[in-house]
């Protein structure tokens, strides 16, 4: 227990979450949160577009008439 208390006094690096990056630029946490939210929204939008494009391609392949030999 003595060693554990001693280790608590040893300086170490402080790691902050992404919200503190906005504070370094002179802004509040909400700006960083908004930026993360916008990035997630764009990513989900792009994923939905890709999924729809694949679905349309599959539907176009299914409607292609079969050629008889």
N, C-alpha and C. Protein backbone atom coordinates (compact mmCIF):
# COMPACT_ATOMS: atom_id res chain seq x y z
N UNK A 1 0.83 -1.19 0.00
CA UNK A 1 0.00 0.00 0.00
C UNK A 1 0.87 1.25 0.00
N UNK A 2 2.02 1.17 0.66
CA UNK A 2 2.90 2.34 0.70
C UNK A 2 3.38 2.70 -0.70
N UNK A 3 3.66 1.67 -1.48
CA UNK A 3 4.15 1.92 -2.84
C UNK A 3 3.06 2.47 -3.75
N UNK A 4 1.83 2.02 -3.54
CA UNK A 4 0.72 2.51 -4.35
C UNK A 4 0.52 4.01 -4.11
N UNK A 5 0.59 4.43 -2.86
CA UNK A 5 0.44 5.86 -2.55
C UNK A 5 1.60 6.65 -3.13
N UNK A 6 2.78 6.09 -3.12
CA UNK A 6 3.94 6.76 -3.68
C UNK A 6 3.79 6.92 -5.20
N UNK A 7 3.26 5.90 -5.86
CA UNK A 7 3.08 5.96 -7.31
C UNK A 7 2.05 7.02 -7.72
N UNK A 8 1.12 7.34 -6.84
CA UNK A 8 0.13 8.37 -7.15
C UNK A 8 0.77 9.75 -7.25
N UNK A 9 1.91 9.93 -6.66
CA UNK A 9 2.57 11.24 -6.69
C UNK A 9 3.50 11.40 -7.88
N UNK A 10 3.73 10.32 -8.63
CA UNK A 10 4.62 10.37 -9.78
C UNK A 10 3.90 11.09 -10.93
N UNK A 11 4.53 12.09 -11.50
CA UNK A 11 3.87 12.79 -12.61
C UNK A 11 3.78 11.90 -13.84
N UNK A 12 2.72 12.08 -14.58
CA UNK A 12 2.51 11.30 -15.80
C UNK A 12 1.77 12.14 -16.82
N UNK A 13 1.68 11.65 -18.02
CA UNK A 13 0.98 12.41 -19.06
C UNK A 13 -0.52 12.46 -18.78
N UNK A 14 -1.12 13.57 -19.11
CA UNK A 14 -2.56 13.73 -18.96
C UNK A 14 -3.19 13.59 -20.33
N UNK A 15 -4.12 12.69 -20.45
CA UNK A 15 -4.80 12.47 -21.72
C UNK A 15 -6.20 13.05 -21.64
N UNK A 16 -6.54 13.88 -22.58
CA UNK A 16 -7.86 14.50 -22.61
C UNK A 16 -8.69 13.89 -23.72
N UNK A 17 -9.99 13.97 -23.56
CA UNK A 17 -10.87 13.47 -24.62
C UNK A 17 -10.96 14.52 -25.73
N UNK A 18 -11.57 14.14 -26.84
CA UNK A 18 -11.61 14.99 -28.04
C UNK A 18 -12.28 16.33 -27.78
N UNK A 19 -13.15 16.43 -26.81
CA UNK A 19 -13.83 17.68 -26.52
C UNK A 19 -12.90 18.78 -26.06
N UNK A 20 -11.76 18.42 -25.51
CA UNK A 20 -10.82 19.44 -25.03
C UNK A 20 -10.00 20.05 -26.15
N UNK A 21 -10.02 19.47 -27.33
CA UNK A 21 -9.29 20.07 -28.44
C UNK A 21 -9.90 21.41 -28.82
N UNK A 22 -11.21 21.52 -28.72
CA UNK A 22 -11.87 22.79 -29.01
C UNK A 22 -11.50 23.86 -28.01
N UNK A 23 -11.27 23.48 -26.76
CA UNK A 23 -10.90 24.46 -25.74
C UNK A 23 -9.52 25.04 -26.03
N UNK A 24 -8.67 24.26 -26.65
CA UNK A 24 -7.35 24.77 -27.00
C UNK A 24 -7.44 25.86 -28.06
N UNK A 25 -8.45 25.79 -28.90
CA UNK A 25 -8.62 26.78 -29.95
C UNK A 25 -9.45 27.97 -29.47
N UNK A 26 -9.89 27.95 -28.23
CA UNK A 26 -10.67 29.04 -27.69
C UNK A 26 -12.16 28.87 -27.86
N UNK A 27 -12.61 27.66 -28.12
CA UNK A 27 -14.03 27.40 -28.30
C UNK A 27 -14.51 26.47 -27.19
N UNK A 28 -15.82 26.31 -27.10
CA UNK A 28 -16.40 25.41 -26.12
C UNK A 28 -16.50 23.99 -26.66
N UNK A 29 -16.93 23.09 -25.80
CA UNK A 29 -17.05 21.68 -26.17
C UNK A 29 -18.10 21.44 -27.25
N UNK A 30 -19.10 22.28 -27.31
CA UNK A 30 -20.19 22.02 -28.26
C UNK A 30 -19.73 22.11 -29.70
N UNK A 31 -18.71 22.88 -29.97
CA UNK A 31 -18.22 22.99 -31.35
C UNK A 31 -17.57 21.68 -31.78
N UNK A 32 -16.79 21.09 -30.89
CA UNK A 32 -16.17 19.80 -31.22
C UNK A 32 -17.25 18.73 -31.35
N UNK A 33 -18.25 18.77 -30.49
CA UNK A 33 -19.35 17.82 -30.59
C UNK A 33 -20.12 17.97 -31.88
N UNK A 34 -20.33 19.21 -32.30
CA UNK A 34 -21.04 19.46 -33.56
C UNK A 34 -20.21 18.95 -34.74
N UNK A 35 -18.91 19.14 -34.69
CA UNK A 35 -18.05 18.67 -35.78
C UNK A 35 -18.07 17.15 -35.87
N UNK A 36 -18.03 16.48 -34.74
CA UNK A 36 -18.10 15.01 -34.74
C UNK A 36 -19.46 14.56 -35.25
N UNK A 37 -20.52 15.24 -34.84
CA UNK A 37 -21.86 14.90 -35.31
C UNK A 37 -22.02 15.08 -36.80
N UNK A 38 -21.47 16.16 -37.33
CA UNK A 38 -21.53 16.41 -38.78
C UNK A 38 -20.76 15.33 -39.53
N UNK A 39 -19.59 14.97 -39.02
CA UNK A 39 -18.79 13.94 -39.67
C UNK A 39 -19.53 12.60 -39.67
N UNK A 40 -20.17 12.26 -38.56
CA UNK A 40 -20.94 11.01 -38.51
C UNK A 40 -22.12 11.07 -39.48
N UNK A 41 -22.78 12.21 -39.55
CA UNK A 41 -23.90 12.36 -40.47
C UNK A 41 -23.48 12.19 -41.92
N UNK A 42 -22.37 12.78 -42.29
CA UNK A 42 -21.86 12.65 -43.66
C UNK A 42 -21.50 11.20 -43.96
N UNK A 43 -20.88 10.54 -43.00
CA UNK A 43 -20.52 9.14 -43.19
C UNK A 43 -21.74 8.25 -43.36
N UNK A 44 -22.77 8.46 -42.55
CA UNK A 44 -24.00 7.68 -42.68
C UNK A 44 -24.71 7.97 -43.99
N UNK A 45 -24.71 9.22 -44.41
CA UNK A 45 -25.33 9.61 -45.67
C UNK A 45 -24.63 8.91 -46.84
N UNK A 46 -23.30 8.91 -46.82
CA UNK A 46 -22.53 8.26 -47.89
C UNK A 46 -22.78 6.75 -47.89
N UNK A 47 -22.85 6.15 -46.72
CA UNK A 47 -23.11 4.71 -46.64
C UNK A 47 -24.49 4.39 -47.20
N UNK A 48 -25.48 5.23 -46.92
CA UNK A 48 -26.83 5.01 -47.46
C UNK A 48 -26.84 5.15 -48.97
N UNK A 49 -26.09 6.13 -49.50
CA UNK A 49 -26.02 6.30 -50.95
C UNK A 49 -25.38 5.08 -51.60
N UNK A 50 -24.30 4.57 -51.01
CA UNK A 50 -23.62 3.40 -51.55
C UNK A 50 -24.53 2.17 -51.51
N UNK A 51 -25.26 2.01 -50.41
CA UNK A 51 -26.16 0.87 -50.27
C UNK A 51 -27.26 0.95 -51.33
N UNK A 52 -27.79 2.15 -51.57
CA UNK A 52 -28.84 2.33 -52.57
C UNK A 52 -28.29 2.05 -53.97
N UNK A 53 -27.07 2.49 -54.25
CA UNK A 53 -26.47 2.26 -55.57
C UNK A 53 -26.27 0.77 -55.81
N UNK A 54 -25.83 0.04 -54.79
CA UNK A 54 -25.65 -1.41 -54.94
C UNK A 54 -27.00 -2.09 -55.15
N UNK A 55 -28.03 -1.62 -54.44
CA UNK A 55 -29.35 -2.19 -54.58
C UNK A 55 -29.88 -1.94 -55.99
N UNK A 56 -29.67 -0.74 -56.53
CA UNK A 56 -30.11 -0.42 -57.88
C UNK A 56 -29.37 -1.26 -58.91
N UNK A 57 -28.07 -1.47 -58.70
CA UNK A 57 -27.29 -2.30 -59.62
C UNK A 57 -27.79 -3.74 -59.62
N UNK A 58 -28.11 -4.25 -58.45
CA UNK A 58 -28.62 -5.62 -58.34
C UNK A 58 -29.98 -5.73 -59.01
N UNK A 59 -30.83 -4.72 -58.83
CA UNK A 59 -32.16 -4.74 -59.45
C UNK A 59 -32.03 -4.67 -60.97
N UNK A 60 -31.09 -3.91 -61.48
CA UNK A 60 -30.89 -3.81 -62.93
C UNK A 60 -30.40 -5.13 -63.50
N UNK A 61 -29.57 -5.84 -62.75
CA UNK A 61 -29.08 -7.15 -63.21
C UNK A 61 -30.21 -8.18 -63.24
N UNK A 62 -31.15 -8.07 -62.30
CA UNK A 62 -32.25 -9.02 -62.24
C UNK A 62 -33.25 -8.81 -63.38
N UNK A 63 -33.36 -7.59 -63.89
CA UNK A 63 -34.34 -7.31 -64.94
C UNK A 63 -33.78 -7.52 -66.34
N UNK A 64 -32.50 -7.85 -66.44
CA UNK A 64 -31.90 -8.10 -67.75
C UNK A 64 -32.48 -9.39 -68.33
N UNK A 65 -33.01 -9.34 -69.55
CA UNK A 65 -33.60 -10.57 -70.12
C UNK A 65 -32.52 -11.61 -70.40
N UNK A 66 -32.90 -12.83 -70.17
CA UNK A 66 -31.99 -13.95 -70.43
C UNK A 66 -31.92 -14.20 -71.93
N UNK A 67 -30.75 -14.50 -72.42
CA UNK A 67 -30.60 -14.83 -73.84
C UNK A 67 -30.76 -16.33 -74.01
N UNK A 68 -31.59 -16.71 -74.96
CA UNK A 68 -31.76 -18.14 -75.20
C UNK A 68 -30.74 -18.61 -76.24
N UNK A 69 -30.30 -19.82 -76.08
CA UNK A 69 -29.26 -20.35 -76.97
C UNK A 69 -29.80 -20.88 -78.24
